[in-house]
Amino acid sequence: MTDTESATTRPRTAMSAAAPWDEDQVLALLELPFNDLMFKAHTTHRQQFDANEVQLSTLISIKTGACPEDCAYCPQSAHYQTGLKADRLMAVDDILAAARVAKHNGATRFCMGAAWRTPKGDDLETVIEAIKRVKSLGLETCATLGMLTADQARRLQAAGLDYYNHNLDTSAAFYGEIISTRSYDDRLQTLHFVRECGIHVCCGGIIGMGESRADRAALITTLANLPSYPESVPINMLVQIPGTPLHGAEKPDAFEFVRTIAVARITMPKAYVRLSAGRDEMNDELQAWCFFAGANSIFSGDKLLTTGNATAAHDQSLFERLGIRPLTM
């Protein structure tokens, strides 16, 4: 039995659905009349969370560009000419300074992203030291560093890492249209190693890459049926970057995006569903619908890795208009 197979047969925990979902059930949810779906999702949300409270995370790029992977949406890939300047791994003191700013702006979780296929040698040691020092500020820590071995996951857990982000991005069937340098099973294997050593899982996907509604249903089904579904589920709207293969892709219908948020909430009721990349291109009304549908986490800060984000001032204004409060530690 492989590690991935053993992961799929482990007993379910409190973060798992009461019964497995199948793709037809999830697709049926996505196809409900909009008002019925919103009612179901919002009811589920209120059963688990304060409907007017949103968790704030801040994401920074601690190592930018020159990534050997060929993810078709990513400006950091070395395969594409996007004009992005590659930078070396940030010094720990600089990472800590950014974490202090994030905490001052209301973030309760600080996420560190590095454009690697997998972390190596001294680089991992630097990240481990950064995790320890960020935690000393009273922040939750999250990292996204590419694929991990079981030993690397254990070392990150020993350093105190709270969350590891490793998105599946899309369905297994559509995945090959987006990425060729890393398999779907590779991603599931990393999720298994992370979960096995006790780190919380952050895992979601991207909407707007040319996938079908059935692909979105399959992605959510995979996430919901993990032995323990992710504690954090980021739902990203594709940010189109000139020079990447997905630049110029047809943008998804806004209601389809809201539907995806809603179905993530219904199928993973205890998870924090994060409204992630693409918010700076969303109007306030769309974001409000997403919060009503069950999104209760956002990335706060002017930048997400290398792409723009809604400003903290705009978020504060929107929250005031909607009567939403940031979650506090």
Protein backbone atom coordinates (compact mmCIF):
# COMPACT_ATOMS: atom_id res chain seq x y z
CA MET A 1 0.00 0.00 0.00
CA THR A 2 1.35 3.44 -0.94
CA ASP A 3 1.41 6.43 1.40
CA THR A 4 -1.34 8.07 -0.63
CA GLU A 5 -3.52 4.97 -0.41
CA SER A 6 -3.03 4.69 3.34
CA ALA A 7 -4.05 8.35 3.66
CA THR A 8 -7.37 7.68 1.95
CA THR A 9 -8.27 4.77 4.25
CA ARG A 10 -7.46 6.34 7.62
CA PRO A 11 -10.46 6.75 9.97
CA ARG A 12 -12.32 10.03 9.63
CA THR A 13 -12.00 12.83 12.18
CA ALA A 14 -14.21 15.70 13.35
CA MET A 15 -13.04 17.72 10.31
CA SER A 16 -14.54 15.16 7.93
CA ALA A 17 -17.99 15.02 6.43
CA ALA A 18 -20.45 12.73 8.20
CA ALA A 19 -20.57 10.64 5.02
CA PRO A 20 -18.46 10.70 1.85
CA TRP A 21 -19.59 13.00 -0.92
CA ASP A 22 -19.71 11.84 -4.51
CA GLU A 23 -19.26 14.07 -7.54
CA ASP A 24 -22.89 13.79 -8.60
CA GLN A 25 -24.04 15.09 -5.20
CA VAL A 26 -21.62 18.00 -5.31
CA LEU A 27 -22.54 18.84 -8.89
CA ALA A 28 -26.22 18.79 -7.89
CA LEU A 29 -25.43 21.37 -5.21
CA LEU A 30 -23.67 23.60 -7.74
CA GLU A 31 -26.72 23.38 -9.99
CA LEU A 32 -29.31 24.33 -7.36
CA PRO A 33 -31.35 27.49 -7.95
CA PHE A 34 -29.17 30.31 -6.67
CA ASN A 35 -31.47 31.35 -3.83
CA ASP A 36 -31.83 27.76 -2.61
CA LEU A 37 -28.06 27.28 -2.65
CA MET A 38 -27.47 30.53 -0.78
CA PHE A 39 -30.03 29.57 1.87
CA LYS A 40 -28.45 26.17 2.38
CA ALA A 41 -24.89 27.51 2.49
CA HIS A 42 -25.68 30.44 4.80
CA THR A 43 -27.64 28.18 7.16
CA THR A 44 -24.69 25.78 7.31
CA HIS A 45 -22.33 28.68 7.94
CA ARG A 46 -24.39 30.02 10.85
CA GLN A 47 -24.47 26.58 12.44
CA GLN A 48 -20.66 26.58 12.72
CA PHE A 49 -19.49 30.21 12.83
CA ASP A 50 -20.37 33.75 13.73
CA ALA A 51 -21.80 34.95 10.42
CA ASN A 52 -20.34 38.44 10.88
CA GLU A 53 -16.77 37.50 11.76
CA VAL A 54 -13.94 37.07 9.23
CA GLN A 55 -10.41 35.79 9.86
CA LEU A 56 -7.55 37.85 8.39
CA SER A 57 -4.36 36.26 7.08
CA THR A 58 -1.38 37.96 5.46
CA LEU A 59 0.64 36.26 2.71
CA ILE A 60 4.13 37.33 1.65
CA SER A 61 6.62 35.94 -0.82
CA ILE A 62 9.81 35.08 1.06
CA LYS A 63 11.50 33.73 -2.08
CA THR A 64 10.28 34.99 -5.45
CA GLY A 65 10.55 33.67 -9.01
CA ALA A 66 12.70 31.17 -10.93
CA CYS A 67 10.41 28.28 -9.99
CA PRO A 68 11.06 25.13 -12.07
CA GLU A 69 7.36 24.18 -12.14
CA ASP A 70 5.24 25.07 -15.19
CA CYS A 71 1.91 25.98 -13.53
CA ALA A 72 0.11 27.79 -16.35
CA TYR A 73 -1.28 30.51 -14.08
CA CYS A 74 1.92 31.42 -12.25
CA PRO A 75 4.14 34.45 -12.99
CA GLN A 76 6.90 32.91 -10.85
CA SER A 77 7.49 30.01 -13.23
CA ALA A 78 10.87 30.03 -14.96
CA HIS A 79 9.09 28.66 -18.05
CA TYR A 80 7.40 32.00 -18.84
CA GLN A 81 8.52 35.53 -19.59
CA THR A 82 6.42 37.68 -17.25
CA GLY A 83 8.92 40.40 -16.37
CA LEU A 84 9.08 39.23 -12.76
CA LYS A 85 12.40 39.77 -11.03
CA ALA A 86 13.61 36.70 -9.15
CA ASP A 87 14.79 37.27 -5.59
CA ARG A 88 16.68 35.13 -3.11
CA LEU A 89 15.19 33.90 0.16
CA MET A 90 14.48 36.80 2.53
CA ALA A 91 16.50 37.18 5.70
CA VAL A 92 14.72 36.12 8.89
CA ASP A 93 14.82 39.67 10.30
CA ASP A 94 13.04 40.98 7.19
CA ILE A 95 10.40 38.26 7.44
CA LEU A 96 9.86 39.14 11.09
CA ALA A 97 9.49 42.84 10.25
CA ALA A 98 6.75 41.98 7.71
CA ALA A 99 5.03 39.80 10.33
CA ARG A 100 4.95 42.68 12.79
CA VAL A 101 3.25 44.88 10.18
CA ALA A 102 0.73 42.14 9.45
CA LYS A 103 -0.14 41.79 13.12
CA HIS A 104 -0.48 45.56 13.48
CA ASN A 105 -2.97 45.51 10.58
CA GLY A 106 -5.13 42.88 12.27
CA ALA A 107 -3.89 39.61 10.77
CA THR A 108 -4.00 36.58 13.06
CA ARG A 109 -2.12 34.29 10.65
CA PHE A 110 1.10 34.99 8.77
CA CYS A 111 1.70 32.94 5.63
CA MET A 112 5.14 32.57 4.03
CA GLY A 113 5.38 31.49 0.38
CA ALA A 114 8.50 30.38 -1.48
CA ALA A 115 8.74 29.61 -5.22
CA TRP A 116 10.37 26.19 -4.93
CA ARG A 117 9.64 22.75 -6.24
CA THR A 118 10.72 21.56 -2.80
CA PRO A 119 12.79 23.23 -0.06
CA LYS A 120 16.44 22.24 0.28
CA GLY A 121 19.23 22.36 2.87
CA ASP A 122 19.95 25.69 4.46
CA ASP A 123 16.83 27.26 2.96
CA LEU A 124 14.63 25.02 5.09
CA GLU A 125 16.67 25.94 8.16
CA THR A 126 16.00 29.63 7.46
CA VAL A 127 12.27 28.99 7.14
CA ILE A 128 12.27 26.99 10.39
CA GLU A 129 13.94 29.88 12.22
CA ALA A 130 11.42 32.30 10.71
CA ILE A 131 8.52 30.12 11.87
CA LYS A 132 9.83 30.12 15.44
CA ARG A 133 10.29 33.87 15.53
CA VAL A 134 6.95 34.69 13.89
CA LYS A 135 5.19 32.47 16.42
CA SER A 136 6.89 34.40 19.21
CA LEU A 137 4.84 37.41 18.08
CA GLY A 138 1.63 35.55 18.89
CA LEU A 139 0.69 34.89 15.27
CA GLU A 140 -0.39 31.62 13.70
CA THR A 141 2.10 30.49 11.08
CA CYS A 142 1.52 29.09 7.61
CA ALA A 143 3.98 28.14 4.88
CA THR A 144 3.74 27.13 1.24
CA LEU A 145 7.08 25.82 0.03
CA GLY A 146 6.22 23.25 -2.63
CA MET A 147 6.40 19.50 -2.18
CA LEU A 148 7.56 18.09 1.15
CA THR A 149 9.06 14.83 2.26
CA ALA A 150 7.80 13.21 5.44
CA ASP A 151 10.96 14.32 7.26
CA GLN A 152 10.59 17.93 6.10
CA ALA A 153 6.99 17.98 7.31
CA ARG A 154 8.06 16.65 10.71
CA ARG A 155 10.77 19.32 11.01
CA LEU A 156 8.30 22.08 10.17
CA GLN A 157 5.88 20.71 12.76
CA ALA A 158 8.64 20.60 15.37
CA ALA A 159 9.35 24.28 14.65
CA GLY A 160 5.73 25.06 15.47
CA LEU A 161 4.21 25.49 12.01
CA ASP A 162 0.44 25.70 12.36
CA TYR A 163 -0.70 25.40 8.72
CA TYR A 164 0.79 24.17 5.46
CA ASN A 165 -0.71 25.36 2.18
CA HIS A 166 -0.56 23.04 -0.81
CA ASN A 167 -3.42 23.60 -3.26
CA LEU A 168 -4.81 20.94 -5.57
CA ASP A 169 -5.78 23.80 -7.92
CA THR A 170 -8.39 21.89 -9.94
CA SER A 171 -9.81 18.44 -10.61
CA ALA A 172 -7.58 15.45 -11.25
CA ALA A 173 -9.04 15.18 -14.77
CA PHE A 174 -8.26 18.80 -15.71
CA TYR A 175 -4.98 19.06 -13.82
CA GLY A 176 -2.84 17.95 -16.78
CA GLU A 177 -4.08 20.96 -18.76
CA ILE A 178 -2.54 23.27 -16.17
CA ILE A 179 0.62 21.58 -14.85
CA SER A 180 2.97 18.92 -16.23
CA THR A 181 5.96 19.09 -13.87
CA ARG A 182 4.19 17.78 -10.77
CA SER A 183 1.46 15.14 -10.61
CA TYR A 184 -1.82 15.24 -8.74
CA ASP A 185 -0.62 12.29 -6.66
CA ASP A 186 2.50 14.31 -5.74
CA ARG A 187 0.24 16.95 -4.26
CA LEU A 188 -1.86 14.40 -2.39
CA GLN A 189 1.31 12.83 -1.03
CA THR A 190 2.48 16.14 0.43
CA LEU A 191 -0.94 16.68 2.00
CA HIS A 192 -0.66 13.23 3.56
CA PHE A 193 2.77 13.97 5.05
CA VAL A 194 1.53 17.29 6.44
CA ARG A 195 -1.59 15.79 7.99
CA GLU A 196 0.28 12.76 9.30
CA CYS A 197 2.60 14.85 11.47
CA GLY A 198 -0.16 17.04 12.89
CA ILE A 199 0.10 20.27 10.87
CA HIS A 200 -3.22 21.80 9.85
CA VAL A 201 -3.93 21.65 6.13
CA CYS A 202 -4.68 24.66 3.92
CA CYS A 203 -5.78 23.46 0.49
CA GLY A 204 -8.10 24.75 -2.19
CA GLY A 205 -8.20 25.68 -5.84
CA ILE A 206 -8.42 28.27 -8.58
CA ILE A 207 -11.54 29.24 -10.50
CA GLY A 208 -11.31 30.59 -14.05
CA MET A 209 -8.63 28.42 -15.67
CA GLY A 210 -10.98 27.03 -18.32
CA GLU A 211 -12.29 24.25 -16.11
CA SER A 212 -15.91 23.10 -16.29
CA ARG A 213 -18.49 23.12 -13.52
CA ALA A 214 -17.94 19.35 -13.32
CA ASP A 215 -14.24 19.99 -12.69
CA ARG A 216 -15.12 22.34 -9.86
CA ALA A 217 -17.41 19.69 -8.42
CA ALA A 218 -14.64 17.10 -8.66
CA LEU A 219 -12.15 19.38 -6.89
CA ILE A 220 -14.53 20.04 -4.01
CA THR A 221 -15.37 16.34 -3.79
CA THR A 222 -11.68 15.47 -3.49
CA LEU A 223 -11.13 18.06 -0.77
CA ALA A 224 -14.24 17.11 1.20
CA ASN A 225 -13.38 13.41 1.06
CA LEU A 226 -9.82 13.68 2.34
CA PRO A 227 -9.45 11.65 5.57
CA SER A 228 -9.72 15.03 7.30
CA TYR A 229 -10.86 17.85 5.05
CA PRO A 230 -8.69 20.99 5.17
CA GLU A 231 -9.09 23.35 8.10
CA SER A 232 -8.55 26.18 5.62
CA VAL A 233 -9.92 26.16 2.05
CA PRO A 234 -8.71 29.02 -0.17
CA ILE A 235 -10.86 29.66 -3.23
CA ASN A 236 -8.95 31.79 -5.73
CA MET A 237 -10.18 33.68 -8.77
CA LEU A 238 -7.55 33.41 -11.49
CA VAL A 239 -5.41 36.53 -11.72
CA GLN A 240 -4.36 36.70 -15.37
CA ILE A 241 -0.70 37.61 -15.83
CA PRO A 242 0.70 38.60 -19.25
CA GLY A 243 3.24 36.02 -20.36
CA THR A 244 1.53 33.06 -18.72
CA PRO A 245 -0.44 30.56 -20.84
CA LEU A 246 -3.70 31.44 -19.09
CA HIS A 247 -3.50 35.13 -19.89
CA GLY A 248 -6.60 35.92 -21.91
CA ALA A 249 -8.65 33.01 -20.56
CA GLU A 250 -12.39 33.56 -20.45
CA LYS A 251 -13.38 34.89 -17.05
CA PRO A 252 -15.91 32.84 -15.10
CA ASP A 253 -19.37 34.12 -14.33
CA ALA A 254 -19.39 35.88 -10.94
CA PHE A 255 -22.32 33.82 -9.71
CA GLU A 256 -20.41 30.65 -10.57
CA PHE A 257 -17.65 31.82 -8.24
CA VAL A 258 -20.17 32.46 -5.46
CA ARG A 259 -21.66 29.01 -6.07
CA THR A 260 -18.21 27.46 -5.59
CA ILE A 261 -17.78 29.25 -2.27
CA ALA A 262 -21.22 28.07 -1.16
CA VAL A 263 -20.63 24.43 -2.02
CA ALA A 264 -17.24 24.47 -0.30
CA ARG A 265 -19.04 25.71 2.82
CA ILE A 266 -21.74 23.03 2.65
CA THR A 267 -19.35 20.13 2.06
CA MET A 268 -16.69 21.31 4.54
CA PRO A 269 -18.82 23.00 7.19
CA LYS A 270 -16.15 23.48 9.89
CA ALA A 271 -13.43 24.79 7.56
CA TYR A 272 -12.44 28.40 7.16
CA VAL A 273 -13.28 29.12 3.52
CA ARG A 274 -10.92 31.83 2.33
CA LEU A 275 -11.76 34.38 -0.33
CA SER A 276 -8.25 34.55 -1.77
CA ALA A 277 -6.56 35.76 -4.96
CA GLY A 278 -8.48 38.04 -7.30
CA ARG A 279 -10.26 40.16 -4.71
CA ASP A 280 -8.83 43.38 -6.11
CA GLU A 281 -10.75 42.62 -9.32
CA MET A 282 -14.01 41.89 -7.47
CA ASN A 283 -16.54 44.58 -6.69
CA ASP A 284 -17.89 44.96 -3.17
CA GLU A 285 -21.19 43.35 -4.06
CA LEU A 286 -19.49 40.15 -5.23
CA GLN A 287 -17.40 39.97 -2.07
CA ALA A 288 -20.52 40.51 0.04
CA TRP A 289 -22.23 37.59 -1.71
CA CYS A 290 -19.16 35.44 -1.01
CA PHE A 291 -19.32 36.27 2.70
CA PHE A 292 -23.03 35.44 2.74
CA ALA A 293 -22.29 32.15 0.95
CA GLY A 294 -19.85 31.12 3.67
CA ALA A 295 -16.47 32.72 3.05
CA ASN A 296 -15.10 33.69 6.46
CA SER A 297 -11.43 34.34 5.81
CA ILE A 298 -9.49 36.67 3.53
CA PHE A 299 -5.93 37.59 2.73
CA SER A 300 -5.31 41.09 4.03
CA GLY A 301 -2.54 43.27 2.65
CA ASP A 302 -1.75 45.11 -0.56
CA LYS A 303 -0.01 42.15 -2.23
CA LEU A 304 -0.37 38.36 -2.49
CA LEU A 305 3.02 36.88 -3.34
CA THR A 306 3.48 38.80 -6.63
CA THR A 307 -0.05 39.94 -7.50
CA GLY A 308 -2.17 42.80 -6.21
CA ASN A 309 -4.74 42.54 -3.46
CA ALA A 310 -7.48 44.73 -2.04
CA THR A 311 -6.00 47.31 0.31
CA ALA A 312 -6.40 47.10 4.08
CA ALA A 313 -8.20 50.45 4.05
CA HIS A 314 -10.71 49.21 1.48
CA ASP A 315 -11.28 46.02 3.48
CA GLN A 316 -11.90 48.03 6.62
CA SER A 317 -14.40 50.22 4.79
CA LEU A 318 -16.19 47.20 3.32
CA PHE A 319 -16.35 45.48 6.71
CA GLU A 320 -17.85 48.60 8.27
CA ARG A 321 -20.50 48.78 5.55
CA LEU A 322 -21.38 45.11 6.02
CA GLY A 323 -21.13 45.03 9.82
CA ILE A 324 -18.34 42.45 9.69
CA ARG A 325 -15.73 42.14 12.45
CA PRO A 326 -12.20 40.75 12.05
CA LEU A 327 -11.58 37.62 14.10
CA THR A 328 -9.23 38.24 17.02
CA MET A 329 -6.87 35.75 18.62
